[in-house]
C-alpha cells in the first residue's frame, strides 16, 4: 500500500514539475521528457501487475507444498 501511495505522490509531483517546465522551456523539451516518463510508467505498471499476480512463469500454487512419499501401501 505504501508503494502505491508513493507512486501516486510521484505522479502528482511530476504533474507540477511538468506544468512548470512547459511554462519555462517550451513544449518540445517537455514532450521528450514525457516520452521517457511514459516508458517509466509502463515499466512500473508491468512490475506492479506482475508482483500482484506473482506468476513468474509458475502455473501452480503448490510449488512450496511438502513432498509426500509414495510408499506403495494401499
N, C-alpha and C. Protein backbone atom coordinates (compact mmCIF):
# COMPACT_ATOMS: atom_id res chain seq x y z
N UNK A 1 0.83 -1.19 0.00
CA UNK A 1 0.00 0.00 0.00
C UNK A 1 0.88 1.26 0.00
N UNK A 2 1.94 1.22 0.77
CA UNK A 2 2.85 2.37 0.82
C UNK A 2 3.47 2.60 -0.56
N UNK A 3 3.77 1.50 -1.26
CA UNK A 3 4.34 1.61 -2.60
C UNK A 3 3.38 2.34 -3.54
N UNK A 4 2.09 2.01 -3.48
CA UNK A 4 1.12 2.66 -4.36
C UNK A 4 0.94 4.13 -4.01
N UNK A 5 0.97 4.45 -2.72
CA UNK A 5 0.87 5.86 -2.31
C UNK A 5 2.09 6.63 -2.80
N UNK A 6 3.25 6.00 -2.73
CA UNK A 6 4.47 6.64 -3.21
C UNK A 6 4.39 6.92 -4.71
N UNK A 7 3.90 5.94 -5.47
CA UNK A 7 3.76 6.12 -6.92
C UNK A 7 2.77 7.24 -7.22
N UNK A 8 1.65 7.28 -6.49
CA UNK A 8 0.67 8.34 -6.70
C UNK A 8 1.27 9.71 -6.37
N UNK A 9 2.05 9.78 -5.30
CA UNK A 9 2.70 11.03 -4.94
C UNK A 9 3.70 11.48 -5.99
N UNK A 10 4.48 10.53 -6.51
CA UNK A 10 5.43 10.88 -7.56
C UNK A 10 4.72 11.34 -8.82
N UNK A 11 3.59 10.73 -9.13
CA UNK A 11 2.81 11.14 -10.30
C UNK A 11 2.31 12.58 -10.12
N UNK A 12 1.78 12.89 -8.94
CA UNK A 12 1.31 14.25 -8.67
C UNK A 12 2.44 15.26 -8.72
N UNK A 13 3.58 14.88 -8.17
CA UNK A 13 4.75 15.76 -8.22
C UNK A 13 5.19 15.99 -9.66
N UNK A 14 5.15 14.94 -10.47
CA UNK A 14 5.53 15.09 -11.87
C UNK A 14 4.58 16.05 -12.59
N UNK A 15 3.29 16.01 -12.28
CA UNK A 15 2.35 16.93 -12.93
C UNK A 15 2.71 18.38 -12.61
N UNK A 16 3.09 18.65 -11.38
CA UNK A 16 3.51 20.01 -11.02
C UNK A 16 4.78 20.41 -11.75
N UNK A 17 5.76 19.53 -11.78
CA UNK A 17 7.02 19.82 -12.46
C UNK A 17 6.78 19.99 -13.95
N UNK A 18 5.93 19.15 -14.53
CA UNK A 18 5.63 19.21 -15.95
C UNK A 18 5.02 20.56 -16.33
N UNK A 19 4.09 21.04 -15.53
CA UNK A 19 3.48 22.34 -15.78
C UNK A 19 4.52 23.46 -15.71
N UNK A 20 5.41 23.38 -14.74
CA UNK A 20 6.46 24.38 -14.61
C UNK A 20 7.40 24.35 -15.81
N UNK A 21 7.78 23.15 -16.25
CA UNK A 21 8.71 23.04 -17.38
C UNK A 21 8.09 23.55 -18.67
N UNK A 22 6.80 23.28 -18.88
CA UNK A 22 6.14 23.78 -20.10
C UNK A 22 6.18 25.31 -20.11
N UNK A 23 5.90 25.91 -18.97
CA UNK A 23 5.91 27.37 -18.90
C UNK A 23 7.32 27.94 -19.06
N UNK A 24 8.32 27.19 -18.62
CA UNK A 24 9.69 27.71 -18.62
C UNK A 24 10.44 27.44 -19.92
N UNK A 25 10.41 26.19 -20.42
CA UNK A 25 11.27 25.81 -21.52
C UNK A 25 10.54 25.47 -22.81
N UNK A 26 9.26 25.41 -22.80
CA UNK A 26 8.54 25.12 -24.03
C UNK A 26 8.17 23.65 -24.15
N UNK A 27 7.36 23.39 -25.16
CA UNK A 27 6.76 22.06 -25.27
C UNK A 27 7.67 21.01 -25.85
N UNK A 28 8.63 21.36 -26.69
CA UNK A 28 9.47 20.34 -27.34
C UNK A 28 10.29 19.55 -26.33
N UNK A 29 10.95 20.25 -25.44
CA UNK A 29 11.76 19.56 -24.43
C UNK A 29 10.87 18.75 -23.50
N UNK A 30 9.75 19.32 -23.12
CA UNK A 30 8.85 18.63 -22.20
C UNK A 30 8.27 17.38 -22.85
N UNK A 31 7.96 17.43 -24.14
CA UNK A 31 7.45 16.25 -24.82
C UNK A 31 8.50 15.14 -24.85
N UNK A 32 9.75 15.48 -25.01
CA UNK A 32 10.82 14.48 -24.97
C UNK A 32 10.92 13.85 -23.59
N UNK A 33 10.83 14.68 -22.57
CA UNK A 33 10.88 14.16 -21.19
C UNK A 33 9.66 13.29 -20.92
N UNK A 34 8.51 13.68 -21.43
CA UNK A 34 7.29 12.91 -21.20
C UNK A 34 7.36 11.53 -21.83
N UNK A 35 8.04 11.40 -22.96
CA UNK A 35 8.19 10.07 -23.58
C UNK A 35 8.98 9.15 -22.66
N UNK A 36 10.04 9.68 -22.06
CA UNK A 36 10.82 8.89 -21.10
C UNK A 36 9.96 8.54 -19.89
N UNK A 37 9.19 9.50 -19.42
CA UNK A 37 8.33 9.28 -18.25
C UNK A 37 7.24 8.25 -18.56
N UNK A 38 6.68 8.28 -19.77
CA UNK A 38 5.67 7.29 -20.15
C UNK A 38 6.25 5.89 -20.16
N UNK A 39 7.47 5.76 -20.63
CA UNK A 39 8.13 4.45 -20.59
C UNK A 39 8.34 3.98 -19.17
N UNK A 40 8.71 4.90 -18.28
CA UNK A 40 8.89 4.55 -16.88
C UNK A 40 7.56 4.13 -16.25
N UNK A 41 6.48 4.84 -16.56
CA UNK A 41 5.17 4.47 -16.03
C UNK A 41 4.76 3.09 -16.51
N UNK A 42 5.02 2.79 -17.78
CA UNK A 42 4.67 1.47 -18.31
C UNK A 42 5.47 0.38 -17.60
N UNK A 43 6.75 0.63 -17.36
CA UNK A 43 7.58 -0.35 -16.65
C UNK A 43 7.05 -0.57 -15.23
N UNK A 44 6.70 0.51 -14.55
CA UNK A 44 6.19 0.39 -13.18
C UNK A 44 4.86 -0.36 -13.18
N UNK A 45 3.99 -0.06 -14.17
CA UNK A 45 2.70 -0.75 -14.24
C UNK A 45 2.89 -2.25 -14.44
N UNK A 46 3.79 -2.63 -15.33
CA UNK A 46 4.05 -4.05 -15.56
C UNK A 46 4.63 -4.69 -14.31
N UNK A 47 5.52 -3.99 -13.62
CA UNK A 47 6.13 -4.53 -12.40
C UNK A 47 5.07 -4.73 -11.32
N UNK A 48 4.19 -3.74 -11.14
CA UNK A 48 3.16 -3.84 -10.11
C UNK A 48 2.19 -4.97 -10.43
N UNK A 49 1.75 -5.05 -11.69
CA UNK A 49 0.82 -6.12 -12.07
C UNK A 49 1.48 -7.48 -11.89
N UNK A 50 2.75 -7.59 -12.25
CA UNK A 50 3.45 -8.87 -12.10
C UNK A 50 3.61 -9.23 -10.63
N UNK A 51 3.89 -8.26 -9.79
CA UNK A 51 4.06 -8.58 -8.37
C UNK A 51 2.73 -8.89 -7.70
N UNK A 52 1.63 -8.31 -8.21
CA UNK A 52 0.32 -8.62 -7.65
C UNK A 52 -0.11 -10.03 -8.06
N UNK A 53 0.04 -10.34 -9.33
CA UNK A 53 -0.36 -11.66 -9.79
C UNK A 53 0.66 -12.71 -9.40
N UNK A 54 1.93 -12.34 -9.30
CA UNK A 54 3.02 -13.21 -8.85
C UNK A 54 3.08 -14.50 -9.66
N UNK A 55 2.98 -14.38 -10.97
CA UNK A 55 3.04 -15.58 -11.80
C UNK A 55 4.46 -16.07 -11.95
N UNK A 56 5.35 -15.24 -12.45
CA UNK A 56 6.75 -15.60 -12.63
C UNK A 56 6.93 -16.91 -13.38
N UNK A 57 6.01 -17.24 -14.26
CA UNK A 57 6.13 -18.45 -15.06
C UNK A 57 5.62 -19.70 -14.37
N UNK A 58 5.16 -19.60 -13.14
CA UNK A 58 4.65 -20.77 -12.42
C UNK A 58 3.15 -20.87 -12.61
N UNK A 59 2.69 -22.03 -13.03
CA UNK A 59 1.25 -22.21 -13.25
C UNK A 59 0.54 -22.74 -12.01
N UNK A 60 1.27 -23.32 -11.09
CA UNK A 60 0.61 -23.90 -9.92
C UNK A 60 1.05 -23.18 -8.66
N UNK A 61 0.17 -23.19 -7.68
CA UNK A 61 0.46 -22.53 -6.41
C UNK A 61 1.06 -23.48 -5.39
N UNK A 62 1.15 -24.77 -5.71
CA UNK A 62 1.60 -25.74 -4.72
C UNK A 62 3.07 -26.08 -4.88
N UNK A 63 3.86 -25.13 -5.37
CA UNK A 63 5.30 -25.38 -5.51
C UNK A 63 5.98 -25.51 -4.15
N UNK A 64 5.42 -24.83 -3.15
CA UNK A 64 6.03 -24.86 -1.82
C UNK A 64 5.47 -25.97 -0.95
N UNK A 65 4.53 -26.74 -1.48
CA UNK A 65 3.94 -27.83 -0.69
C UNK A 65 4.98 -28.91 -0.44
N UNK A 66 4.95 -29.48 0.76
CA UNK A 66 5.93 -30.54 1.04
C UNK A 66 5.66 -31.78 0.19
N UNK A 67 6.72 -32.44 -0.17
CA UNK A 67 6.56 -33.64 -0.98
C UNK A 67 6.14 -34.80 -0.10
N UNK A 68 5.23 -35.62 -0.61
CA UNK A 68 4.73 -36.78 0.12
C UNK A 68 5.33 -38.02 -0.52
N UNK A 69 5.90 -38.86 0.31
CA UNK A 69 6.49 -40.10 -0.21
C UNK A 69 5.41 -41.11 -0.53
N UNK A 70 5.56 -41.76 -1.66
CA UNK A 70 4.63 -42.83 -2.02
C UNK A 70 5.27 -44.14 -1.58
N UNK A 71 4.69 -44.76 -0.56
CA UNK A 71 5.26 -45.99 -0.03
C UNK A 71 4.67 -47.24 -0.67
N UNK A 72 3.74 -47.05 -1.56
CA UNK A 72 3.14 -48.20 -2.23
C UNK A 72 2.13 -48.94 -1.37
N UNK A 73 1.74 -48.37 -0.24
CA UNK A 73 0.74 -49.03 0.61
C UNK A 73 -0.65 -48.63 0.15
N UNK A 74 -1.55 -49.59 0.20
CA UNK A 74 -2.91 -49.31 -0.23
C UNK A 74 -3.82 -49.12 0.95
